[in-house]
Structures are given as structure tokens and as C-alpha cells.
Amino acid sequence: MTQATTPIVRNVDARHRYEILVDGEGAGFTAYRDRDGQRVFFHTEIDDAFAGQGLASVLVREALSDVRSSGRRIVPVCPYVAKFLKKHEEFADLTDPVTPEILQWLKTTLAR
């Protein structure tokens, strides 16, 4: 039996985000949109009640691992995801740069 405190990360495709759960309770998420084989991460948030437990790192690592297994590439518009990638070189091979074109596409997509 696993510990109740082991966080669970799941991709909620319909909501375009990965969520992290602690004891079945939503503790945070990282949001994305998909574009031509890229998963563009634009916002990561951990609930204040769960701050300081390293959950953002667990969440982003699991999300990026899922992107790797899906064959997509990562575009780190989200500042937290970008910071995480600087520290974790193992994802460098599937990271694409954030370009003005992607930012404009994201703005248009999120405005819908």
C-alpha cells in the first residue's frame, strides 16, 4: 500500500492541464495548450495550503515526463517551467524556444 501523502499527478486533457493531488485533494496544476506537436506550458500554480512542499517540482517533472512519452516537445512560456528546465538538463533535448509567434498564438488561443 502506498503512503497517503504520495502526490499523484494526472493529465486532465479536457481542461488542458496536469493536476497534482495530495490525499485526493487538488493541490495545484500546470496549464498547457497543444500546438503542432508542441505542448506549450503557460501557467503553474500550487495552492497556498500546499506551498513549500516541493509539489511544483514534482508536478512539472511528471508533466514533462508525460510530454516525453507522448512524443511532443516542450515550450516553456510559464516562468516556473522555464526555471525548472534550466536546472533539469535531462529535458533539454525536447525543449523548444519561446518565440514571439508562439506567444501570439497562445494569446489568441487563450482569448477564445
PDB file of N, CA and C in Angstrom:
ATOM      1  N   MET A   1       0.846  -1.190   0.000  1.00  0.00           N
ATOM      2  CA  MET A   1       0.000   0.000   0.000  1.00  0.00           C
ATOM      3  C   MET A   1       0.886   1.245   0.000  1.00  0.00           C
ATOM      4  N   THR A   2       0.539   2.215  -0.818  1.00  0.00           N
ATOM      5  CA  THR A   2       1.345   3.435  -0.888  1.00  0.00           C
ATOM      6  C   THR A   2       0.945   4.389   0.234  1.00  0.00           C
ATOM      7  N   GLN A   3       1.874   5.273   0.562  1.00  0.00           N
ATOM      8  CA  GLN A   3       1.582   6.270   1.586  1.00  0.00           C
ATOM      9  C   GLN A   3       0.477   7.193   1.083  1.00  0.00           C
ATOM     10  N   ALA A   4      -0.364   7.636   1.979  1.00  0.00           N
ATOM     11  CA  ALA A   4      -1.457   8.532   1.606  1.00  0.00           C
ATOM     12  C   ALA A   4      -0.917   9.890   1.151  1.00  0.00           C
ATOM     13  N   THR A   5       0.293  10.224   1.602  1.00  0.00           N
ATOM     14  CA  THR A   5       0.826  11.546   1.288  1.00  0.00           C
ATOM     15  C   THR A   5       1.588  11.601  -0.032  1.00  0.00           C
ATOM     16  N   THR A   6       1.704  10.477  -0.733  1.00  0.00           N
ATOM     17  CA  THR A   6       2.386  10.496  -2.025  1.00  0.00           C
ATOM     18  C   THR A   6       1.530  11.267  -3.020  1.00  0.00           C
ATOM     19  N   PRO A   7       2.071  12.379  -3.561  1.00  0.00           N
ATOM     20  CA  PRO A   7       1.248  13.142  -4.505  1.00  0.00           C
ATOM     21  C   PRO A   7       1.032  12.375  -5.809  1.00  0.00           C
ATOM     22  N   ILE A   8      -0.122  12.588  -6.398  1.00  0.00           N
ATOM     23  CA  ILE A   8      -0.476  11.953  -7.667  1.00  0.00           C
ATOM     24  C   ILE A   8      -0.616  13.052  -8.717  1.00  0.00           C
ATOM     25  N   VAL A   9       0.033  12.851  -9.865  1.00  0.00           N
ATOM     26  CA  VAL A   9      -0.086  13.805 -10.967  1.00  0.00           C
ATOM     27  C   VAL A   9      -0.881  13.133 -12.076  1.00  0.00           C
ATOM     28  N   ARG A  10      -1.879  13.861 -12.584  1.00  0.00           N
ATOM     29  CA  ARG A  10      -2.677  13.314 -13.682  1.00  0.00           C
ATOM     30  C   ARG A  10      -2.883  14.384 -14.746  1.00  0.00           C
ATOM     31  N   ASN A  11      -2.932  13.938 -15.985  1.00  0.00           N
ATOM     32  CA  ASN A  11      -3.212  14.841 -17.094  1.00  0.00           C
ATOM     33  C   ASN A  11      -4.723  14.896 -17.270  1.00  0.00           C
ATOM     34  N   VAL A  12      -5.284  16.085 -17.159  1.00  0.00           N
ATOM     35  CA  VAL A  12      -6.715  16.278 -17.380  1.00  0.00           C
ATOM     36  C   VAL A  12      -6.835  16.985 -18.734  1.00  0.00           C
ATOM     37  N   ASP A  13      -6.803  16.168 -19.791  1.00  0.00           N
ATOM     38  CA  ASP A  13      -6.734  16.689 -21.157  1.00  0.00           C
ATOM     39  C   ASP A  13      -7.876  17.654 -21.480  1.00  0.00           C
ATOM     40  N   ALA A  14      -9.076  17.341 -21.012  1.00  0.00           N
ATOM     41  CA  ALA A  14     -10.240  18.188 -21.301  1.00  0.00           C
ATOM     42  C   ALA A  14     -10.074  19.600 -20.738  1.00  0.00           C
ATOM     43  N   ARG A  15      -9.264  19.722 -19.689  1.00  0.00           N
ATOM     44  CA  ARG A  15      -9.029  21.038 -19.070  1.00  0.00           C
ATOM     45  C   ARG A  15      -7.656  21.598 -19.447  1.00  0.00           C
ATOM     46  N   HIS A  16      -6.929  20.908 -20.308  1.00  0.00           N
ATOM     47  CA  HIS A  16      -5.604  21.343 -20.770  1.00  0.00           C
ATOM     48  C   HIS A  16      -4.659  21.592 -19.604  1.00  0.00           C
ATOM     49  N   ARG A  17      -4.591  20.632 -18.702  1.00  0.00           N
ATOM     50  CA  ARG A  17      -3.674  20.821 -17.578  1.00  0.00           C
ATOM     51  C   ARG A  17      -3.340  19.507 -16.890  1.00  0.00           C
ATOM     52  N   TYR A  18      -2.209  19.543 -16.209  1.00  0.00           N
ATOM     53  CA  TYR A  18      -1.813  18.452 -15.326  1.00  0.00           C
ATOM     54  C   TYR A  18      -2.158  18.927 -13.923  1.00  0.00           C
ATOM     55  N   GLU A  19      -2.791  18.068 -13.149  1.00  0.00           N
ATOM     56  CA  GLU A  19      -3.132  18.409 -11.780  1.00  0.00           C
ATOM     57  C   GLU A  19      -2.340  17.533 -10.833  1.00  0.00           C
ATOM     58  N   ILE A  20      -2.010  18.106  -9.666  1.00  0.00           N
ATOM     59  CA  ILE A  20      -1.346  17.319  -8.631  1.00  0.00           C
ATOM     60  C   ILE A  20      -2.301  17.210  -7.450  1.00  0.00           C
ATOM     61  N   LEU A  21      -2.466  15.973  -6.981  1.00  0.00           N
ATOM     62  CA  LEU A  21      -3.375  15.690  -5.876  1.00  0.00           C
ATOM     63  C   LEU A  21      -2.587  15.176  -4.681  1.00  0.00           C
ATOM     64  N   VAL A  22      -2.940  15.648  -3.500  1.00  0.00           N
ATOM     65  CA  VAL A  22      -2.346  15.163  -2.255  1.00  0.00           C
ATOM     66  C   VAL A  22      -3.513  14.659  -1.411  1.00  0.00           C
ATOM     67  N   ASP A  23      -3.478  13.380  -1.070  1.00  0.00           N
ATOM     68  CA  ASP A  23      -4.585  12.746  -0.348  1.00  0.00           C
ATOM     69  C   ASP A  23      -5.921  12.982  -1.058  1.00  0.00           C
ATOM     70  N   GLY A  24      -5.899  12.941  -2.385  1.00  0.00           N
ATOM     71  CA  GLY A  24      -7.117  13.097  -3.164  1.00  0.00           C
ATOM     72  C   GLY A  24      -7.586  14.538  -3.332  1.00  0.00           C
ATOM     73  N   GLU A  25      -6.875  15.470  -2.724  1.00  0.00           N
ATOM     74  CA  GLU A  25      -7.264  16.877  -2.797  1.00  0.00           C
ATOM     75  C   GLU A  25      -6.390  17.614  -3.816  1.00  0.00           C
ATOM     76  N   GLY A  26      -7.023  18.431  -4.642  1.00  0.00           N
ATOM     77  CA  GLY A  26      -6.277  19.194  -5.640  1.00  0.00           C
ATOM     78  C   GLY A  26      -5.323  20.170  -4.961  1.00  0.00           C
ATOM     79  N   ALA A  27      -4.036  20.050  -5.280  1.00  0.00           N
ATOM     80  CA  ALA A  27      -3.034  20.912  -4.654  1.00  0.00           C
ATOM     81  C   ALA A  27      -2.462  21.935  -5.633  1.00  0.00           C
ATOM     82  N   GLY A  28      -2.690  21.713  -6.927  1.00  0.00           N
ATOM     83  CA  GLY A  28      -2.167  22.653  -7.909  1.00  0.00           C
ATOM     84  C   GLY A  28      -2.255  22.093  -9.302  1.00  0.00           C
ATOM     85  N   PHE A  29      -1.762  22.887 -10.272  1.00  0.00           N
ATOM     86  CA  PHE A  29      -1.824  22.462 -11.669  1.00  0.00           C
ATOM     87  C   PHE A  29      -0.793  23.218 -12.497  1.00  0.00           C
ATOM     88  N   THR A  30      -0.487  22.656 -13.659  1.00  0.00           N
ATOM     89  CA  THR A  30       0.274  23.370 -14.673  1.00  0.00           C
ATOM     90  C   THR A  30      -0.547  23.284 -15.953  1.00  0.00           C
ATOM     91  N   ALA A  31      -0.818  24.462 -16.541  1.00  0.00           N
ATOM     92  CA  ALA A  31      -1.720  24.553 -17.687  1.00  0.00           C
ATOM     93  C   ALA A  31      -0.932  24.591 -18.989  1.00  0.00           C
ATOM     94  N   TYR A  32      -1.550  24.043 -20.044  1.00  0.00           N
ATOM     95  CA  TYR A  32      -0.888  23.993 -21.355  1.00  0.00           C
ATOM     96  C   TYR A  32      -1.905  24.102 -22.471  1.00  0.00           C
ATOM     97  N   ARG A  33      -1.380  24.337 -23.658  1.00  0.00           N
ATOM     98  CA  ARG A  33      -2.149  24.195 -24.884  1.00  0.00           C
ATOM     99  C   ARG A  33      -1.234  23.458 -25.866  1.00  0.00           C
ATOM    100  N   ASP A  34      -1.830  22.661 -26.739  1.00  0.00           N
ATOM    101  CA  ASP A  34      -1.052  21.905 -27.714  1.00  0.00           C
ATOM    102  C   ASP A  34      -1.063  22.623 -29.061  1.00  0.00           C
ATOM    103  N   ARG A  35       0.110  22.607 -29.708  1.00  0.00           N
ATOM    104  CA  ARG A  35       0.267  23.280 -30.997  1.00  0.00           C
ATOM    105  C   ARG A  35       1.266  22.504 -31.838  1.00  0.00           C
ATOM    106  N   ASP A  36       0.818  21.893 -32.915  1.00  0.00           N
ATOM    107  CA  ASP A  36       1.726  21.241 -33.878  1.00  0.00           C
ATOM    108  C   ASP A  36       2.818  20.395 -33.209  1.00  0.00           C
ATOM    109  N   GLY A  37       2.438  19.452 -32.396  1.00  0.00           N
ATOM    110  CA  GLY A  37       3.440  18.570 -31.792  1.00  0.00           C
ATOM    111  C   GLY A  37       4.186  19.189 -30.619  1.00  0.00           C
ATOM    112  N   GLN A  38       3.766  20.375 -30.223  1.00  0.00           N
ATOM    113  CA  GLN A  38       4.377  21.029 -29.057  1.00  0.00           C
ATOM    114  C   GLN A  38       3.329  21.133 -27.962  1.00  0.00           C
ATOM    115  N   ARG A  39       3.771  21.013 -26.731  1.00  0.00           N
ATOM    116  CA  ARG A  39       2.909  21.280 -25.577  1.00  0.00           C
ATOM    117  C   ARG A  39       3.452  22.563 -24.963  1.00  0.00           C
ATOM    118  N   VAL A  40       2.657  23.622 -25.065  1.00  0.00           N
ATOM    119  CA  VAL A  40       3.064  24.949 -24.602  1.00  0.00           C
ATOM    120  C   VAL A  40       2.547  25.151 -23.173  1.00  0.00           C
ATOM    121  N   PHE A  41       3.475  25.140 -22.208  1.00  0.00           N
ATOM    122  CA  PHE A  41       3.110  25.349 -20.803  1.00  0.00           C
ATOM    123  C   PHE A  41       3.108  26.850 -20.529  1.00  0.00           C
ATOM    124  N   PHE A  42       1.997  27.369 -19.975  1.00  0.00           N
ATOM    125  CA  PHE A  42       1.922  28.817 -19.778  1.00  0.00           C
ATOM    126  C   PHE A  42       1.612  29.255 -18.353  1.00  0.00           C
ATOM    127  N   HIS A  43       1.237  28.332 -17.452  1.00  0.00           N
ATOM    128  CA  HIS A  43       0.931  28.761 -16.081  1.00  0.00           C
ATOM    129  C   HIS A  43       1.028  27.566 -15.139  1.00  0.00           C
ATOM    130  N   THR A  44       1.707  27.763 -14.008  1.00  0.00           N
ATOM    131  CA  THR A  44       1.791  26.739 -12.968  1.00  0.00           C
ATOM    132  C   THR A  44       1.392  27.384 -11.652  1.00  0.00           C
ATOM    133  N   GLU A  45       0.596  26.669 -10.889  1.00  0.00           N
ATOM    134  CA  GLU A  45       0.066  27.225  -9.643  1.00  0.00           C
ATOM    135  C   GLU A  45      -0.049  26.116  -8.601  1.00  0.00           C
ATOM    136  N   ILE A  46       0.427  26.398  -7.384  1.00  0.00           N
ATOM    137  CA  ILE A  46       0.247  25.483  -6.255  1.00  0.00           C
ATOM    138  C   ILE A  46      -0.580  26.237  -5.219  1.00  0.00           C
ATOM    139  N   ASP A  47      -1.607  25.582  -4.705  1.00  0.00           N
ATOM    140  CA  ASP A  47      -2.467  26.199  -3.693  1.00  0.00           C
ATOM    141  C   ASP A  47      -1.637  26.581  -2.458  1.00  0.00           C
ATOM    142  N   ASP A  48      -1.942  27.732  -1.878  1.00  0.00           N
ATOM    143  CA  ASP A  48      -1.197  28.218  -0.707  1.00  0.00           C
ATOM    144  C   ASP A  48      -1.120  27.187   0.421  1.00  0.00           C
ATOM    145  N   ALA A  49      -2.184  26.408   0.589  1.00  0.00           N
ATOM    146  CA  ALA A  49      -2.222  25.404   1.658  1.00  0.00           C
ATOM    147  C   ALA A  49      -1.161  24.319   1.463  1.00  0.00           C
ATOM    148  N   PHE A  50      -0.643  24.201   0.230  1.00  0.00           N
ATOM    149  CA  PHE A  50       0.336  23.155  -0.074  1.00  0.00           C
ATOM    150  C   PHE A  50       1.716  23.728  -0.415  1.00  0.00           C
ATOM    151  N   ALA A  51       1.886  25.024  -0.222  1.00  0.00           N
ATOM    152  CA  ALA A  51       3.151  25.682  -0.575  1.00  0.00           C
ATOM    153  C   ALA A  51       4.312  25.142   0.259  1.00  0.00           C
ATOM    154  N   GLY A  52       5.508  25.214  -0.324  1.00  0.00           N
ATOM    155  CA  GLY A  52       6.720  24.845   0.417  1.00  0.00           C
ATOM    156  C   GLY A  52       6.972  23.358   0.563  1.00  0.00           C
ATOM    157  N   GLN A  53       6.243  22.534  -0.161  1.00  0.00           N
ATOM    158  CA  GLN A  53       6.426  21.076  -0.061  1.00  0.00           C
ATOM    159  C   GLN A  53       7.116  20.493  -1.289  1.00  0.00           C
ATOM    160  N   GLY A  54       7.549  21.355  -2.198  1.00  0.00           N
ATOM    161  CA  GLY A  54       8.212  20.875  -3.406  1.00  0.00           C
ATOM    162  C   GLY A  54       7.262  20.282  -4.426  1.00  0.00           C
ATOM    163  N   LEU A  55       5.979  20.580  -4.292  1.00  0.00           N
ATOM    164  CA  LEU A  55       4.986  19.969  -5.183  1.00  0.00           C
ATOM    165  C   LEU A  55       5.070  20.492  -6.611  1.00  0.00           C
ATOM    166  N   ALA A  56       5.422  21.764  -6.787  1.00  0.00           N
ATOM    167  CA  ALA A  56       5.530  22.316  -8.146  1.00  0.00           C
ATOM    168  C   ALA A  56       6.579  21.535  -8.932  1.00  0.00           C
ATOM    169  N   SER A  57       7.683  21.222  -8.275  1.00  0.00           N
ATOM    170  CA  SER A  57       8.759  20.466  -8.913  1.00  0.00           C
ATOM    171  C   SER A  57       8.287  19.055  -9.303  1.00  0.00           C
ATOM    172  N   VAL A  58       7.576  18.388  -8.396  1.00  0.00           N
ATOM    173  CA  VAL A  58       7.038  17.048  -8.676  1.00  0.00           C
ATOM    174  C   VAL A  58       6.060  17.129  -9.847  1.00  0.00           C
ATOM    175  N   LEU A  59       5.175  18.121  -9.799  1.00  0.00           N
ATOM    176  CA  LEU A  59       4.165  18.313 -10.836  1.00  0.00           C
ATOM    177  C   LEU A  59       4.802  18.520 -12.209  1.00  0.00           C
ATOM    178  N   VAL A  60       5.745  19.446 -12.276  1.00  0.00           N
ATOM    179  CA  VAL A  60       6.367  19.775 -13.569  1.00  0.00           C
ATOM    180  C   VAL A  60       7.203  18.604 -14.084  1.00  0.00           C
ATOM    181  N   ARG A  61       7.938  17.930 -13.204  1.00  0.00           N
ATOM    182  CA  ARG A  61       8.730  16.764 -13.638  1.00  0.00           C
ATOM    183  C   ARG A  61       7.821  15.698 -14.255  1.00  0.00           C
ATOM    184  N   GLU A  62       6.713  15.380 -13.594  1.00  0.00           N
ATOM    185  CA  GLU A  62       5.778  14.366 -14.109  1.00  0.00           C
ATOM    186  C   GLU A  62       5.158  14.813 -15.429  1.00  0.00           C
ATOM    187  N   ALA A  63       4.783  16.092 -15.502  1.00  0.00           N
ATOM    188  CA  ALA A  63       4.180  16.622 -16.730  1.00  0.00           C
ATOM    189  C   ALA A  63       5.163  16.521 -17.895  1.00  0.00           C
ATOM    190  N   LEU A  64       6.414  16.914 -17.659  1.00  0.00           N
ATOM    191  CA  LEU A  64       7.422  16.884 -18.725  1.00  0.00           C
ATOM    192  C   LEU A  64       7.749  15.450 -19.131  1.00  0.00           C
ATOM    193  N   SER A  65       7.755  14.548 -18.172  1.00  0.00           N
ATOM    194  CA  SER A  65       7.983  13.127 -18.489  1.00  0.00           C
ATOM    195  C   SER A  65       6.856  12.594 -19.366  1.00  0.00           C
ATOM    196  N   ASP A  66       5.626  13.040 -19.086  1.00  0.00           N
ATOM    197  CA  ASP A  66       4.484  12.629 -19.898  1.00  0.00           C
ATOM    198  C   ASP A  66       4.607  13.188 -21.317  1.00  0.00           C
ATOM    199  N   VAL A  67       5.066  14.425 -21.429  1.00  0.00           N
ATOM    200  CA  VAL A  67       5.266  15.031 -22.750  1.00  0.00           C
ATOM    201  C   VAL A  67       6.298  14.203 -23.525  1.00  0.00           C
ATOM    202  N   ARG A  68       7.384  13.825 -22.848  1.00  0.00           N
ATOM    203  CA  ARG A  68       8.409  12.997 -23.496  1.00  0.00           C
ATOM    204  C   ARG A  68       7.793  11.704 -24.024  1.00  0.00           C
ATOM    205  N   SER A  69       7.002  11.023 -23.200  1.00  0.00           N
ATOM    206  CA  SER A  69       6.442   9.729 -23.618  1.00  0.00           C
ATOM    207  C   SER A  69       5.394   9.887 -24.715  1.00  0.00           C
ATOM    208  N   SER A  70       4.801  11.074 -24.833  1.00  0.00           N
ATOM    209  CA  SER A  70       3.798  11.296 -25.877  1.00  0.00           C
ATOM    210  C   SER A  70       4.445  11.693 -27.210  1.00  0.00           C
ATOM    211  N   GLY A  71       5.760  11.933 -27.192  1.00  0.00           N
ATOM    212  CA  GLY A  71       6.461  12.299 -28.415  1.00  0.00           C
ATOM    213  C   GLY A  71       6.346  13.778 -28.782  1.00  0.00           C
ATOM    214  N   ARG A  72       5.800  14.570 -27.885  1.00  0.00           N
ATOM    215  CA  ARG A  72       5.685  16.010 -28.144  1.00  0.00           C
ATOM    216  C   ARG A  72       6.945  16.732 -27.678  1.00  0.00           C
ATOM    217  N   ARG A  73       6.969  18.049 -27.943  1.00  0.00           N
ATOM    218  CA  ARG A  73       8.063  18.890 -27.489  1.00  0.00           C
ATOM    219  C   ARG A  73       7.513  19.900 -26.485  1.00  0.00           C
ATOM    220  N   ILE A  74       8.403  20.458 -25.667  1.00  0.00           N
ATOM    221  CA  ILE A  74       8.015  21.380 -24.600  1.00  0.00           C
ATOM    222  C   ILE A  74       8.348  22.811 -25.012  1.00  0.00           C
ATOM    223  N   VAL A  75       7.397  23.726 -24.771  1.00  0.00           N
ATOM    224  CA  VAL A  75       7.662  25.154 -24.934  1.00  0.00           C
ATOM    225  C   VAL A  75       7.346  25.808 -23.581  1.00  0.00           C
ATOM    226  N   PRO A  76       8.385  26.277 -22.866  1.00  0.00           N
ATOM    227  CA  PRO A  76       8.192  26.785 -21.507  1.00  0.00           C
ATOM    228  C   PRO A  76       7.869  28.275 -21.425  1.00  0.00           C
ATOM    229  N   VAL A  77       6.631  28.657 -21.744  1.00  0.00           N
ATOM    230  CA  VAL A  77       6.214  30.048 -21.579  1.00  0.00           C
ATOM    231  C   VAL A  77       6.095  30.365 -20.082  1.00  0.00           C
ATOM    232  N   CYS A  78       5.628  29.417 -19.304  1.00  0.00           N
ATOM    233  CA  CYS A  78       5.491  29.588 -17.853  1.00  0.00           C
ATOM    234  C   CYS A  78       6.873  29.797 -17.225  1.00  0.00           C
ATOM    235  N   PRO A  79       7.050  30.868 -16.440  1.00  0.00           N
ATOM    236  CA  PRO A  79       8.363  31.129 -15.813  1.00  0.00           C
ATOM    237  C   PRO A  79       8.841  29.974 -14.920  1.00  0.00           C
ATOM    238  N   TYR A  80       7.919  29.319 -14.208  1.00  0.00           N
ATOM    239  CA  TYR A  80       8.343  28.216 -13.342  1.00  0.00           C
ATOM    240  C   TYR A  80       8.867  27.045 -14.169  1.00  0.00           C
ATOM    241  N   VAL A  81       8.169  26.707 -15.239  1.00  0.00           N
ATOM    242  CA  VAL A  81       8.612  25.598 -16.099  1.00  0.00           C
ATOM    243  C   VAL A  81       9.975  25.937 -16.717  1.00  0.00           C
ATOM    244  N   ALA A  82      10.150  27.191 -17.147  1.00  0.00           N
ATOM    245  CA  ALA A  82      11.429  27.621 -17.724  1.00  0.00           C
ATOM    246  C   ALA A  82      12.554  27.481 -16.698  1.00  0.00           C
ATOM    247  N   LYS A  83      12.287  27.880 -15.457  1.00  0.00           N
ATOM    248  CA  LYS A  83      13.281  27.780 -14.380  1.00  0.00           C
ATOM    249  C   LYS A  83      13.610  26.313 -14.088  1.00  0.00           C
ATOM    250  N   PHE A  84      12.576  25.478 -14.051  1.00  0.00           N
ATOM    251  CA  PHE A  84      12.760  24.045 -13.810  1.00  0.00           C
ATOM    252  C   PHE A  84      13.663  23.444 -14.887  1.00  0.00           C
ATOM    253  N   LEU A  85      13.420  23.814 -16.141  1.00  0.00           N
ATOM    254  CA  LEU A  85      14.204  23.265 -17.257  1.00  0.00           C
ATOM    255  C   LEU A  85      15.674  23.677 -17.187  1.00  0.00           C
ATOM    256  N   LYS A  86      15.958  24.865 -16.672  1.00  0.00           N
ATOM    257  CA  LYS A  86      17.358  25.297 -16.524  1.00  0.00           C
ATOM    258  C   LYS A  86      18.107  24.396 -15.542  1.00  0.00           C
ATOM    259  N   LYS A  87      17.399  23.898 -14.531  1.00  0.00           N
ATOM    260  CA  LYS A  87      18.013  23.038 -13.512  1.00  0.00           C
ATOM    261  C   LYS A  87      18.008  21.559 -13.889  1.00  0.00           C
ATOM    262  N   HIS A  88      17.168  21.178 -14.848  1.00  0.00           N
ATOM    263  CA  HIS A  88      17.000  19.766 -15.185  1.00  0.00           C
ATOM    264  C   HIS A  88      17.293  19.542 -16.665  1.00  0.00           C
ATOM    265  N   GLU A  89      18.571  19.385 -16.952  1.00  0.00           N
ATOM    266  CA  GLU A  89      19.060  19.257 -18.326  1.00  0.00           C
ATOM    267  C   GLU A  89      18.522  18.019 -19.048  1.00  0.00           C
ATOM    268  N   GLU A  90      17.981  17.063 -18.287  1.00  0.00           N
ATOM    269  CA  GLU A  90      17.505  15.825 -18.932  1.00  0.00           C
ATOM    270  C   GLU A  90      16.333  16.077 -19.877  1.00  0.00           C
ATOM    271  N   PHE A  91      15.728  17.270 -19.806  1.00  0.00           N
ATOM    272  CA  PHE A  91      14.622  17.594 -20.713  1.00  0.00           C
ATOM    273  C   PHE A  91      15.052  18.539 -21.842  1.00  0.00           C
ATOM    274  N   ALA A  92      16.328  18.909 -21.875  1.00  0.00           N
ATOM    275  CA  ALA A  92      16.816  19.884 -22.859  1.00  0.00           C
ATOM    276  C   ALA A  92      16.589  19.416 -24.301  1.00  0.00           C
ATOM    277  N   ASP A  93      16.680  18.105 -24.519  1.00  0.00           N
ATOM    278  CA  ASP A  93      16.554  17.572 -25.879  1.00  0.00           C
ATOM    279  C   ASP A  93      15.145  17.715 -26.457  1.00  0.00           C
ATOM    280  N   LEU A  94      14.156  17.984 -25.616  1.00  0.00           N
ATOM    281  CA  LEU A  94      12.805  18.144 -26.162  1.00  0.00           C
ATOM    282  C   LEU A  94      12.204  19.513 -25.861  1.00  0.00           C
ATOM    283  N   THR A  95      13.074  20.484 -25.587  1.00  0.00           N
ATOM    284  CA  THR A  95      12.601  21.834 -25.299  1.00  0.00           C
ATOM    285  C   THR A  95      12.805  22.740 -26.507  1.00  0.00           C
ATOM    286  N   ASP A  96      11.733  23.450 -26.882  1.00  0.00           N
ATOM    287  CA  ASP A  96      11.793  24.429 -27.965  1.00  0.00           C
ATOM    288  C   ASP A  96      11.783  25.835 -27.360  1.00  0.00           C
ATOM    289  N   PRO A  97      12.403  26.800 -28.050  1.00  0.00           N
ATOM    290  CA  PRO A  97      12.414  28.158 -27.516  1.00  0.00           C
ATOM    291  C   PRO A  97      11.042  28.821 -27.592  1.00  0.00           C
ATOM    292  N   VAL A  98      10.822  29.762 -26.677  1.00  0.00           N
ATOM    293  CA  VAL A  98       9.605  30.572 -26.711  1.00  0.00           C
ATOM    294  C   VAL A  98       9.855  31.677 -27.736  1.00  0.00           C
ATOM    295  N   THR A  99       9.011  31.756 -28.748  1.00  0.00           N
ATOM    296  CA  THR A  99       9.178  32.754 -29.808  1.00  0.00           C
ATOM    297  C   THR A  99       7.995  33.730 -29.786  1.00  0.00           C
ATOM    298  N   PRO A 100       8.156  34.912 -30.389  1.00  0.00           N
ATOM    299  CA  PRO A 100       7.029  35.855 -30.479  1.00  0.00           C
ATOM    300  C   PRO A 100       5.817  35.215 -31.163  1.00  0.00           C
ATOM    301  N   GLU A 101       6.074  34.367 -32.152  1.00  0.00           N
ATOM    302  CA  GLU A 101       4.994  33.682 -32.862  1.00  0.00           C
ATOM    303  C   GLU A 101       4.187  32.791 -31.912  1.00  0.00           C
ATOM    304  N   ILE A 102       4.884  32.045 -31.065  1.00  0.00           N
ATOM    305  CA  ILE A 102       4.207  31.167 -30.100  1.00  0.00           C
ATOM    306  C   ILE A 102       3.432  31.997 -29.085  1.00  0.00           C
ATOM    307  N   LEU A 103       4.019  33.091 -28.613  1.00  0.00           N
ATOM    308  CA  LEU A 103       3.329  33.947 -27.649  1.00  0.00           C
ATOM    309  C   LEU A 103       2.044  34.528 -28.251  1.00  0.00           C
ATOM    310  N   GLN A 104       2.116  34.939 -29.510  1.00  0.00           N
ATOM    311  CA  GLN A 104       0.929  35.479 -30.183  1.00  0.00           C
ATOM    312  C   GLN A 104      -0.129  34.392 -30.360  1.00  0.00           C
ATOM    313  N   TRP A 105       0.316  33.194 -30.773  1.00  0.00           N
ATOM    314  CA  TRP A 105      -0.601  32.063 -30.925  1.00  0.00           C
ATOM    315  C   TRP A 105      -1.289  31.751 -29.597  1.00  0.00           C
ATOM    316  N   LEU A 106      -0.510  31.739 -28.507  1.00  0.00           N
ATOM    317  CA  LEU A 106      -1.041  31.420 -27.192  1.00  0.00           C
ATOM    318  C   LEU A 106      -2.084  32.461 -26.764  1.00  0.00           C
ATOM    319  N   LYS A 107      -1.755  33.724 -26.966  1.00  0.00           N
ATOM    320  CA  LYS A 107      -2.666  34.825 -26.617  1.00  0.00           C
ATOM    321  C   LYS A 107      -4.000  34.652 -27.345  1.00  0.00           C
ATOM    322  N   THR A 108      -3.936  34.358 -28.635  1.00  0.00           N
ATOM    323  CA  THR A 108      -5.130  34.164 -29.455  1.00  0.00           C
ATOM    324  C   THR A 108      -5.923  32.947 -28.983  1.00  0.00           C
ATOM    325  N   THR A 109      -5.209  31.862 -28.696  1.00  0.00           N
ATOM    326  CA  THR A 109      -5.845  30.617 -28.258  1.00  0.00           C
ATOM    327  C   THR A 109      -6.558  30.795 -26.915  1.00  0.00           C
ATOM    328  N   LEU A 110      -5.909  31.479 -25.986  1.00  0.00           N
ATOM    329  CA  LEU A 110      -6.490  31.652 -24.658  1.00  0.00           C
ATOM    330  C   LEU A 110      -7.635  32.654 -24.662  1.00  0.00           C
ATOM    331  N   ALA A 111      -7.688  33.520 -25.653  1.00  0.00           N
ATOM    332  CA  ALA A 111      -8.758  34.519 -25.741  1.00  0.00           C
ATOM    333  C   ALA A 111     -10.086  33.910 -26.217  1.00  0.00           C
ATOM    334  N   ARG A 112     -10.008  32.699 -26.783  1.00  0.00           N
ATOM    335  CA  ARG A 112     -11.227  32.071 -27.322  1.00  0.00           C
ATOM    336  C   ARG A 112     -12.205  31.716 -26.223  1.00  0.00           C
TER     337      ARG A 112
END
